[in-house]
Every structure is written in C-alpha cells, then in structure tokens.
Amino acid sequence: MQFSHKPKRKVLINVTSLIDVMFILLIFVMVTSTFLEQPGIKLELPKVKSVEIEQVENLVIYIDEKQELFLNDHQSTLRDLKERLQDAIKENPNPTLVLRADRTVPHGLVVKVMDIAKQSGIKRLVVATRLEMAE
C-alpha cells in the first residue's frame, strides 16, 4: 500500500499592507499633534537654512521690535541686566541663556546683550532662530 505524501505549504506573511498601515498612522499622528507655541512677547525671529535644536531653556532674553529687553518675561534694561543675570547664576550655577531677538533689532544691541551676558558669567549662549521653509 502506498501513501500519497502531500508537501506541506509554507506560510508566507505579507507585511506590505502592515507597512502601509503604519505609515498612515504615522502621518495621522504627525498631522494631528499639537506643537507648543512659546507664550510671551511677539517676535519675528531671523530665518536660517540649517538648524541645530537646543531644548534647554533656563534663562531667556527677549528683545522685541521696540528694543525692549525682557529676562524670563520680566522687563529689564541694559543697566540692570548684568545684575539680574548674576542673580540668576547664583540660583543655577551653569545656566543656558537663550537670546530671542526680533529680526528688526539692530545688530549692535544684540552684541551688547551678548557682551553683558559674557561679563555676568554666562558660559552657554544660544541664539534663537526659526527654520526658513523652502519656497
């Protein structure tokens, strides 16, 4: 008596549709997620084509289009900025200072603020910009 031997079928899993579903879910999450807008002073930041993202924001200096200075949302002047930065360094010995200046602010004022920051003992200074979208 001879038995007929049927070859076993191999099970193949098609992952193409799974990959399509994952891409659709990724796009859905990216489109529906909200991005946090920094509250505070309205600034028009200068645009750049390359970007390095820094997330640490211990101290923030804002310079608006009227050339008014704000240190962490508190209005300041060039005269008292050094003292206020030194007080902040006493609380946090190694802060990162983020400089957010409106693009219409004169370059000389930005350089003065950077110099005051260096004189007060700031070791890390980050100049905030926004990414220019390709047109």
Foldseek 3Di string as FASTA:
>chain_A
DDDDDDDDDDDDDDCPVVVVVVVVVVVVCVVPDDDDDDDADDAAFAADADDDDDDAAPWEWEQHLVRWIDIVRHTDDLVCPLVVLLVSCVVPVAGAYEYGYHPNDDPVSVVSSVVSNVVSPHDHYHYDHHYDDDD
